[in-house]
Every structure is written in structure tokens, then in C-alpha cells.
PDB file of N, CA and C in Angstrom:
ATOM      1  N   MET A   1      67.748  41.088  29.031  1.00  0.00           N
ATOM      2  CA  MET A   1      68.349  41.349  30.319  1.00  0.00           C
ATOM      3  C   MET A   1      68.378  42.849  30.614  1.00  0.00           C
ATOM      4  N   VAL A   2      67.234  43.480  30.434  1.00  0.00           N
ATOM      5  CA  VAL A   2      67.109  44.910  30.670  1.00  0.00           C
ATOM      6  C   VAL A   2      67.390  45.247  32.126  1.00  0.00           C
ATOM      7  N   GLY A   3      67.027  44.346  33.035  1.00  0.00           N
ATOM      8  CA  GLY A   3      67.225  44.600  34.455  1.00  0.00           C
ATOM      9  C   GLY A   3      68.676  44.778  34.846  1.00  0.00           C
ATOM     10  N   VAL A   4      69.592  44.279  34.035  1.00  0.00           N
ATOM     11  CA  VAL A   4      71.012  44.410  34.330  1.00  0.00           C
ATOM     12  C   VAL A   4      71.544  45.743  33.824  1.00  0.00           C
ATOM     13  N   PHE A   5      71.069  46.201  32.672  1.00  0.00           N
ATOM     14  CA  PHE A   5      71.615  47.396  32.034  1.00  0.00           C
ATOM     15  C   PHE A   5      71.030  48.693  32.562  1.00  0.00           C
ATOM     16  N   PHE A   6      69.801  48.665  33.002  1.00  0.00           N
ATOM     17  CA  PHE A   6      69.150  49.870  33.504  1.00  0.00           C
ATOM     18  C   PHE A   6      68.856  49.704  34.989  1.00  0.00           C
ATOM     19  N   THR A   7      68.872  50.810  35.692  1.00  0.00           N
ATOM     20  CA  THR A   7      68.560  50.784  37.113  1.00  0.00           C
ATOM     21  C   THR A   7      67.155  51.329  37.301  1.00  0.00           C
ATOM     22  N   PHE A   8      66.241  50.456  37.692  1.00  0.00           N
ATOM     23  CA  PHE A   8      64.868  50.845  37.939  1.00  0.00           C
ATOM     24  C   PHE A   8      64.624  50.874  39.437  1.00  0.00           C
ATOM     25  N   GLU A   9      63.824  51.834  39.869  1.00  0.00           N
ATOM     26  CA  GLU A   9      63.443  51.868  41.270  1.00  0.00           C
ATOM     27  C   GLU A   9      62.337  50.852  41.510  1.00  0.00           C
ATOM     28  N   PHE A  10      61.958  50.674  42.762  1.00  0.00           N
ATOM     29  CA  PHE A  10      61.022  49.622  43.143  1.00  0.00           C
ATOM     30  C   PHE A  10      59.698  49.726  42.392  1.00  0.00           C
ATOM     31  N   PHE A  11      59.056  50.894  42.444  1.00  0.00           N
ATOM     32  CA  PHE A  11      57.746  51.031  41.817  1.00  0.00           C
ATOM     33  C   PHE A  11      57.834  50.974  40.295  1.00  0.00           C
ATOM     34  N   GLU A  12      58.920  51.475  39.724  1.00  0.00           N
ATOM     35  CA  GLU A  12      59.099  51.358  38.282  1.00  0.00           C
ATOM     36  C   GLU A  12      59.186  49.893  37.863  1.00  0.00           C
ATOM     37  N   THR A  13      59.905  49.110  38.640  1.00  0.00           N
ATOM     38  CA  THR A  13      60.040  47.686  38.335  1.00  0.00           C
ATOM     39  C   THR A  13      58.695  46.976  38.443  1.00  0.00           C
ATOM     40  N   ILE A  14      57.938  47.284  39.479  1.00  0.00           N
ATOM     41  CA  ILE A  14      56.619  46.674  39.647  1.00  0.00           C
ATOM     42  C   ILE A  14      55.707  47.050  38.487  1.00  0.00           C
ATOM     43  N   ILE A  15      55.687  48.319  38.122  1.00  0.00           N
ATOM     44  CA  ILE A  15      54.819  48.778  37.038  1.00  0.00           C
ATOM     45  C   ILE A  15      55.197  48.128  35.714  1.00  0.00           C
ATOM     46  N   ILE A  16      56.474  48.084  35.395  1.00  0.00           N
ATOM     47  CA  ILE A  16      56.923  47.455  34.152  1.00  0.00           C
ATOM     48  C   ILE A  16      56.549  45.982  34.128  1.00  0.00           C
ATOM     49  N   THR A  17      56.741  45.298  35.236  1.00  0.00           N
ATOM     50  CA  THR A  17      56.432  43.872  35.312  1.00  0.00           C
ATOM     51  C   THR A  17      54.939  43.619  35.140  1.00  0.00           C
ATOM     52  N   VAL A  18      54.117  44.376  35.838  1.00  0.00           N
ATOM     53  CA  VAL A  18      52.668  44.172  35.769  1.00  0.00           C
ATOM     54  C   VAL A  18      52.131  44.512  34.379  1.00  0.00           C
ATOM     55  N   ILE A  19      52.543  45.634  33.825  1.00  0.00           N
ATOM     56  CA  ILE A  19      52.057  46.027  32.497  1.00  0.00           C
ATOM     57  C   ILE A  19      52.467  45.012  31.444  1.00  0.00           C
ATOM     58  N   THR A  20      53.690  44.537  31.507  1.00  0.00           N
ATOM     59  CA  THR A  20      54.147  43.537  30.547  1.00  0.00           C
ATOM     60  C   THR A  20      53.359  42.240  30.682  1.00  0.00           C
ATOM     61  N   GLY A  21      53.139  41.797  31.903  1.00  0.00           N
ATOM     62  CA  GLY A  21      52.375  40.571  32.126  1.00  0.00           C
ATOM     63  C   GLY A  21      50.938  40.686  31.654  1.00  0.00           C
ATOM     64  N   VAL A  22      50.299  41.820  31.932  1.00  0.00           N
ATOM     65  CA  VAL A  22      48.909  42.021  31.508  1.00  0.00           C
ATOM     66  C   VAL A  22      48.813  42.094  29.991  1.00  0.00           C
ATOM     67  N   CYS A  23      49.713  42.851  29.362  1.00  0.00           N
ATOM     68  CA  CYS A  23      49.697  42.939  27.896  1.00  0.00           C
ATOM     69  C   CYS A  23      49.914  41.567  27.261  1.00  0.00           C
ATOM     70  N   PHE A  24      50.821  40.797  27.799  1.00  0.00           N
ATOM     71  CA  PHE A  24      51.072  39.461  27.260  1.00  0.00           C
ATOM     72  C   PHE A  24      49.837  38.573  27.412  1.00  0.00           C
ATOM     73  N   ALA A  25      49.216  38.599  28.585  1.00  0.00           N
ATOM     74  CA  ALA A  25      48.042  37.754  28.828  1.00  0.00           C
ATOM     75  C   ALA A  25      46.861  38.174  27.962  1.00  0.00           C
ATOM     76  N   VAL A  26      46.703  39.482  27.733  1.00  0.00           N
ATOM     77  CA  VAL A  26      45.595  39.965  26.912  1.00  0.00           C
ATOM     78  C   VAL A  26      45.801  39.622  25.437  1.00  0.00           C
ATOM     79  N   MET A  27      47.022  39.729  24.958  1.00  0.00           N
ATOM     80  CA  MET A  27      47.297  39.487  23.537  1.00  0.00           C
ATOM     81  C   MET A  27      47.461  38.006  23.200  1.00  0.00           C
ATOM     82  N   LEU A  28      47.727  37.182  24.171  1.00  0.00           N
ATOM     83  CA  LEU A  28      47.995  35.767  23.920  1.00  0.00           C
ATOM     84  C   LEU A  28      46.847  35.019  23.233  1.00  0.00           C
ATOM     85  N   PRO A  29      45.584  35.255  23.603  1.00  0.00           N
ATOM     86  CA  PRO A  29      44.506  34.511  22.922  1.00  0.00           C
ATOM     87  C   PRO A  29      44.425  34.764  21.413  1.00  0.00           C
ATOM     88  N   TYR A  30      44.974  35.862  20.946  1.00  0.00           N
ATOM     89  CA  TYR A  30      44.964  36.138  19.513  1.00  0.00           C
ATOM     90  C   TYR A  30      45.953  35.254  18.751  1.00  0.00           C
ATOM     91  N   TYR A  31      46.910  34.683  19.466  1.00  0.00           N
ATOM     92  CA  TYR A  31      47.954  33.886  18.824  1.00  0.00           C
ATOM     93  C   TYR A  31      47.903  32.404  19.188  1.00  0.00           C
ATOM     94  N   GLN A  32      47.299  32.067  20.303  1.00  0.00           N
ATOM     95  CA  GLN A  32      47.199  30.673  20.737  1.00  0.00           C
ATOM     96  C   GLN A  32      45.730  30.310  20.929  1.00  0.00           C
ATOM     97  N   SER A  33      45.337  29.174  20.406  1.00  0.00           N
ATOM     98  CA  SER A  33      43.942  28.761  20.580  1.00  0.00           C
ATOM     99  C   SER A  33      43.800  27.637  21.599  1.00  0.00           C
ATOM    100  N   SER A  34      44.851  26.877  21.811  1.00  0.00           N
ATOM    101  CA  SER A  34      44.797  25.754  22.736  1.00  0.00           C
ATOM    102  C   SER A  34      44.942  26.249  24.180  1.00  0.00           C
ATOM    103  N   PRO A  35      44.039  25.834  25.059  1.00  0.00           N
ATOM    104  CA  PRO A  35      44.142  26.249  26.467  1.00  0.00           C
ATOM    105  C   PRO A  35      45.439  25.785  27.136  1.00  0.00           C
ATOM    106  N   SER A  36      45.923  24.601  26.763  1.00  0.00           N
ATOM    107  CA  SER A  36      47.171  24.131  27.378  1.00  0.00           C
ATOM    108  C   SER A  36      48.361  24.973  26.921  1.00  0.00           C
ATOM    109  N   GLU A  37      48.364  25.379  25.648  1.00  0.00           N
ATOM    110  CA  GLU A  37      49.440  26.254  25.162  1.00  0.00           C
ATOM    111  C   GLU A  37      49.375  27.624  25.842  1.00  0.00           C
ATOM    112  N   MET A  38      48.175  28.129  26.023  1.00  0.00           N
ATOM    113  CA  MET A  38      48.029  29.426  26.700  1.00  0.00           C
ATOM    114  C   MET A  38      48.513  29.343  28.140  1.00  0.00           C
ATOM    115  N   MET A  39      48.193  28.232  28.794  1.00  0.00           N
ATOM    116  CA  MET A  39      48.636  28.048  30.179  1.00  0.00           C
ATOM    117  C   MET A  39      50.151  27.974  30.257  1.00  0.00           C
ATOM    118  N   MET A  40      50.763  27.231  29.359  1.00  0.00           N
ATOM    119  CA  MET A  40      52.225  27.107  29.356  1.00  0.00           C
ATOM    120  C   MET A  40      52.894  28.452  29.038  1.00  0.00           C
ATOM    121  N   ASN A  41      52.342  29.199  28.105  1.00  0.00           N
ATOM    122  CA  ASN A  41      52.906  30.508  27.775  1.00  0.00           C
ATOM    123  C   ASN A  41      52.750  31.496  28.921  1.00  0.00           C
ATOM    124  N   ASN A  42      51.616  31.464  29.597  1.00  0.00           N
ATOM    125  CA  ASN A  42      51.445  32.344  30.758  1.00  0.00           C
ATOM    126  C   ASN A  42      52.384  31.952  31.888  1.00  0.00           C
ATOM    127  N   LEU A  43      52.625  30.672  32.071  1.00  0.00           N
ATOM    128  CA  LEU A  43      53.573  30.216  33.083  1.00  0.00           C
ATOM    129  C   LEU A  43      54.997  30.669  32.737  1.00  0.00           C
ATOM    130  N   ALA A  44      55.360  30.535  31.461  1.00  0.00           N
ATOM    131  CA  ALA A  44      56.686  30.989  31.023  1.00  0.00           C
ATOM    132  C   ALA A  44      56.824  32.492  31.212  1.00  0.00           C
ATOM    133  N   SER A  45      55.759  33.229  30.917  1.00  0.00           N
ATOM    134  CA  SER A  45      55.770  34.675  31.122  1.00  0.00           C
ATOM    135  C   SER A  45      55.959  35.014  32.596  1.00  0.00           C
ATOM    136  N   LEU A  46      55.262  34.309  33.459  1.00  0.00           N
ATOM    137  CA  LEU A  46      55.388  34.535  34.899  1.00  0.00           C
ATOM    138  C   LEU A  46      56.818  34.274  35.376  1.00  0.00           C
ATOM    139  N   ILE A  47      57.407  33.210  34.888  1.00  0.00           N
ATOM    140  CA  ILE A  47      58.790  32.882  35.281  1.00  0.00           C
ATOM    141  C   ILE A  47      59.757  33.948  34.784  1.00  0.00           C
ATOM    142  N   LEU A  48      59.622  34.364  33.532  1.00  0.00           N
ATOM    143  CA  LEU A  48      60.530  35.374  32.982  1.00  0.00           C
ATOM    144  C   LEU A  48      60.360  36.733  33.659  1.00  0.00           C
ATOM    145  N   LEU A  49      59.120  37.104  33.946  1.00  0.00           N
ATOM    146  CA  LEU A  49      58.901  38.388  34.621  1.00  0.00           C
ATOM    147  C   LEU A  49      59.400  38.359  36.062  1.00  0.00           C
ATOM    148  N   THR A  50      59.284  37.219  36.720  1.00  0.00           N
ATOM    149  CA  THR A  50      59.845  37.080  38.065  1.00  0.00           C
ATOM    150  C   THR A  50      61.364  37.174  38.021  1.00  0.00           C
ATOM    151  N   LEU A  51      61.964  36.563  37.023  1.00  0.00           N
ATOM    152  CA  LEU A  51      63.413  36.640  36.845  1.00  0.00           C
ATOM    153  C   LEU A  51      63.847  38.083  36.577  1.00  0.00           C
ATOM    154  N   PHE A  52      63.106  38.783  35.723  1.00  0.00           N
ATOM    155  CA  PHE A  52      63.398  40.198  35.467  1.00  0.00           C
ATOM    156  C   PHE A  52      63.341  41.001  36.760  1.00  0.00           C
ATOM    157  N   TYR A  53      62.298  40.777  37.563  1.00  0.00           N
ATOM    158  CA  TYR A  53      62.145  41.517  38.812  1.00  0.00           C
ATOM    159  C   TYR A  53      63.319  41.253  39.757  1.00  0.00           C
ATOM    160  N   CYS A  54      63.689  39.996  39.904  1.00  0.00           N
ATOM    161  CA  CYS A  54      64.790  39.636  40.810  1.00  0.00           C
ATOM    162  C   CYS A  54      66.119  40.214  40.345  1.00  0.00           C
ATOM    163  N   ILE A  55      66.399  40.125  39.063  1.00  0.00           N
ATOM    164  CA  ILE A  55      67.652  40.669  38.533  1.00  0.00           C
ATOM    165  C   ILE A  55      67.676  42.187  38.690  1.00  0.00           C
ATOM    166  N   SER A  56      66.557  42.827  38.423  1.00  0.00           N
ATOM    167  CA  SER A  56      66.485  44.274  38.565  1.00  0.00           C
ATOM    168  C   SER A  56      66.718  44.703  40.006  1.00  0.00           C
ATOM    169  N   ARG A  57      66.113  44.010  40.970  1.00  0.00           N
ATOM    170  CA  ARG A  57      66.308  44.342  42.384  1.00  0.00           C
ATOM    171  C   ARG A  57      67.749  44.090  42.815  1.00  0.00           C
ATOM    172  N   PHE A  58      68.335  42.997  42.343  1.00  0.00           N
ATOM    173  CA  PHE A  58      69.713  42.688  42.684  1.00  0.00           C
ATOM    174  C   PHE A  58      70.657  43.759  42.138  1.00  0.00           C
ATOM    175  N   ALA A  59      70.456  44.151  40.888  1.00  0.00           N
ATOM    176  CA  ALA A  59      71.304  45.181  40.281  1.00  0.00           C
ATOM    177  C   ALA A  59      71.133  46.516  41.007  1.00  0.00           C
ATOM    178  N   PHE A  60      69.903  46.851  41.386  1.00  0.00           N
ATOM    179  CA  PHE A  60      69.665  48.101  42.098  1.00  0.00           C
ATOM    180  C   PHE A  60      70.362  48.107  43.447  1.00  0.00           C
ATOM    181  N   SER A  61      70.244  47.015  44.201  1.00  0.00           N
ATOM    182  CA  SER A  61      70.868  46.977  45.523  1.00  0.00           C
ATOM    183  C   SER A  61      72.392  46.997  45.408  1.00  0.00           C
ATOM    184  N   TYR A  62      72.937  46.336  44.390  1.00  0.00           N
ATOM    185  CA  TYR A  62      74.389  46.360  44.178  1.00  0.00           C
ATOM    186  C   TYR A  62      74.855  47.776  43.880  1.00  0.00           C
ATOM    187  N   ARG A  63      74.157  48.457  42.994  1.00  0.00           N
ATOM    188  CA  ARG A  63      74.553  49.824  42.633  1.00  0.00           C
ATOM    189  C   ARG A  63      74.344  50.784  43.792  1.00  0.00           C
ATOM    190  N   ALA A  64      73.303  50.587  44.578  1.00  0.00           N
ATOM    191  CA  ALA A  64      73.065  51.446  45.738  1.00  0.00           C
ATOM    192  C   ALA A  64      74.163  51.255  46.778  1.00  0.00           C
ATOM    193  N   ASP A  65      74.550  50.008  47.039  1.00  0.00           N
ATOM    194  CA  ASP A  65      75.638  49.739  47.994  1.00  0.00           C
ATOM    195  C   ASP A  65      76.953  50.340  47.503  1.00  0.00           C
ATOM    196  N   ASN A  66      77.202  50.205  46.220  1.00  0.00           N
ATOM    197  CA  ASN A  66      78.418  50.768  45.635  1.00  0.00           C
ATOM    198  C   ASN A  66      78.429  52.288  45.775  1.00  0.00           C
ATOM    199  N   TYR A  67      77.291  52.920  45.545  1.00  0.00           N
ATOM    200  CA  TYR A  67      77.185  54.371  45.674  1.00  0.00           C
ATOM    201  C   TYR A  67      77.428  54.807  47.118  1.00  0.00           C
ATOM    202  N   LEU A  68      76.847  54.096  48.075  1.00  0.00           N
ATOM    203  CA  LEU A  68      77.034  54.449  49.490  1.00  0.00           C
ATOM    204  C   LEU A  68      78.491  54.286  49.926  1.00  0.00           C
ATOM    205  N   GLN A  69      79.144  53.244  49.435  1.00  0.00           N
ATOM    206  CA  GLN A  69      80.560  53.052  49.745  1.00  0.00           C
ATOM    207  C   GLN A  69      81.399  54.182  49.149  1.00  0.00           C
ATOM    208  N   LEU A  70      81.063  54.573  47.943  1.00  0.00           N
ATOM    209  CA  LEU A  70      81.790  55.664  47.288  1.00  0.00           C
ATOM    210  C   LEU A  70      81.615  56.965  48.059  1.00  0.00           C
ATOM    211  N   LYS A  71      80.408  57.246  48.515  1.00  0.00           N
ATOM    212  CA  LYS A  71      80.160  58.455  49.302  1.00  0.00           C
ATOM    213  C   LYS A  71      80.922  58.414  50.634  1.00  0.00           C
ATOM    214  N   ALA A  72      80.998  57.251  51.271  1.00  0.00           N
ATOM    215  CA  ALA A  72      81.738  57.126  52.527  1.00  0.00           C
ATOM    216  C   ALA A  72      83.224  57.376  52.306  1.00  0.00           C
ATOM    217  N   ILE A  73      83.758  56.864  51.213  1.00  0.00           N
ATOM    218  CA  ILE A  73      85.177  57.095  50.895  1.00  0.00           C
ATOM    219  C   ILE A  73      85.423  58.562  50.621  1.00  0.00           C
ATOM    220  N   GLU A  74      84.516  59.213  49.889  1.00  0.00           N
ATOM    221  CA  GLU A  74      84.673  60.652  49.616  1.00  0.00           C
ATOM    222  C   GLU A  74      84.630  61.460  50.907  1.00  0.00           C
ATOM    223  N   GLU A  75      83.761  61.091  51.829  1.00  0.00           N
ATOM    224  CA  GLU A  75      83.671  61.806  53.099  1.00  0.00           C
ATOM    225  C   GLU A  75      84.946  61.635  53.921  1.00  0.00           C
ATOM    226  N   LYS A  76      85.488  60.421  53.971  1.00  0.00           N
ATOM    227  CA  LYS A  76      86.731  60.183  54.706  1.00  0.00           C
ATOM    228  C   LYS A  76      87.896  60.922  54.061  1.00  0.00           C
ATOM    229  N   THR A  77      87.913  60.963  52.748  1.00  0.00           N
ATOM    230  CA  THR A  77      88.968  61.699  52.045  1.00  0.00           C
ATOM    231  C   THR A  77      88.867  63.180  52.341  1.00  0.00           C
ATOM    232  N   TRP A  78      87.646  63.706  52.363  1.00  0.00           N
ATOM    233  CA  TRP A  78      87.440  65.119  52.663  1.00  0.00           C
ATOM    234  C   TRP A  78      87.909  65.450  54.080  1.00  0.00           C
ATOM    235  N   LYS A  79      87.618  64.554  55.026  1.00  0.00           N
ATOM    236  CA  LYS A  79      88.046  64.793  56.415  1.00  0.00           C
ATOM    237  C   LYS A  79      89.575  64.770  56.535  1.00  0.00           C
ATOM    238  N   LEU A  80      90.235  63.909  55.770  1.00  0.00           N
ATOM    239  CA  LEU A  80      91.689  63.842  55.822  1.00  0.00           C
ATOM    240  C   LEU A  80      92.335  65.087  55.212  1.00  0.00           C
ATOM    241  N   LYS A  81      91.683  65.685  54.237  1.00  0.00           N
ATOM    242  CA  LYS A  81      92.240  66.855  53.568  1.00  0.00           C
ATOM    243  C   LYS A  81      92.087  68.122  54.385  1.00  0.00           C
ATOM    244  N   LEU A  82      91.133  68.159  55.313  1.00  0.00           N
ATOM    245  CA  LEU A  82      90.926  69.352  56.116  1.00  0.00           C
ATOM    246  C   LEU A  82      92.115  69.533  57.073  1.00  0.00           C
ATOM    247  N   PRO A  83      92.620  70.755  57.179  1.00  0.00           N
ATOM    248  CA  PRO A  83      93.732  70.989  58.107  1.00  0.00           C
ATOM    249  C   PRO A  83      93.244  70.928  59.555  1.00  0.00           C
ATOM    250  N   ALA A  84      94.080  70.386  60.394  1.00  0.00           N
ATOM    251  CA  ALA A  84      93.754  70.282  61.821  1.00  0.00           C
ATOM    252  C   ALA A  84      93.820  71.665  62.433  1.00  0.00           C
ATOM    253  N   VAL A  85      92.761  72.020  63.114  1.00  0.00           N
ATOM    254  CA  VAL A  85      92.711  73.369  63.713  1.00  0.00           C
ATOM    255  C   VAL A  85      92.908  73.277  65.193  1.00  0.00           C
TER     256      VAL A  85
END
């Protein structure tokens, strides 16, 4: 569940997902000889990488919204602290 613990930007998430999927697909024939097993493993990889991508995007948007809310609160606090001229 790396997507939950680290905040990746959009292109970082895409690159990590694609590289992981390609490496898995390239290395899989060395460990599986049956075409049906390879197909099932590639399908499982696709599902897990899609899940990673979705969780990563969800965590990023949550943290971005939280950051924007925090900045808005800081700005309102700053305006309240300024003396009326």
C-alpha cells in the first residue's frame, strides 16, 4: 500500500505503474511456462497496478484538498490579526 504512505504526483504515478507492469510482464516468462498461468498473472498485475494508481490519486487529492484548506485558514487568521487601519 505504497500509494497511501507516499504522495506521488501524476506523472510519477504513471511512470511507476508502467515500469512495474513492464518489468513484471518481461520477467514472468522466466517463472511461468503455462500460457494460462501467464495470462492470469498478468491480469492480477493489471488489477493490482490499477488499484495502486487509484489509491495513489485518491491520497494525493485528499492531501491537496487538506493543504488548500489549511492555507485558506492561515490566510483568514492573518487577515484577522491585522489591525484595522
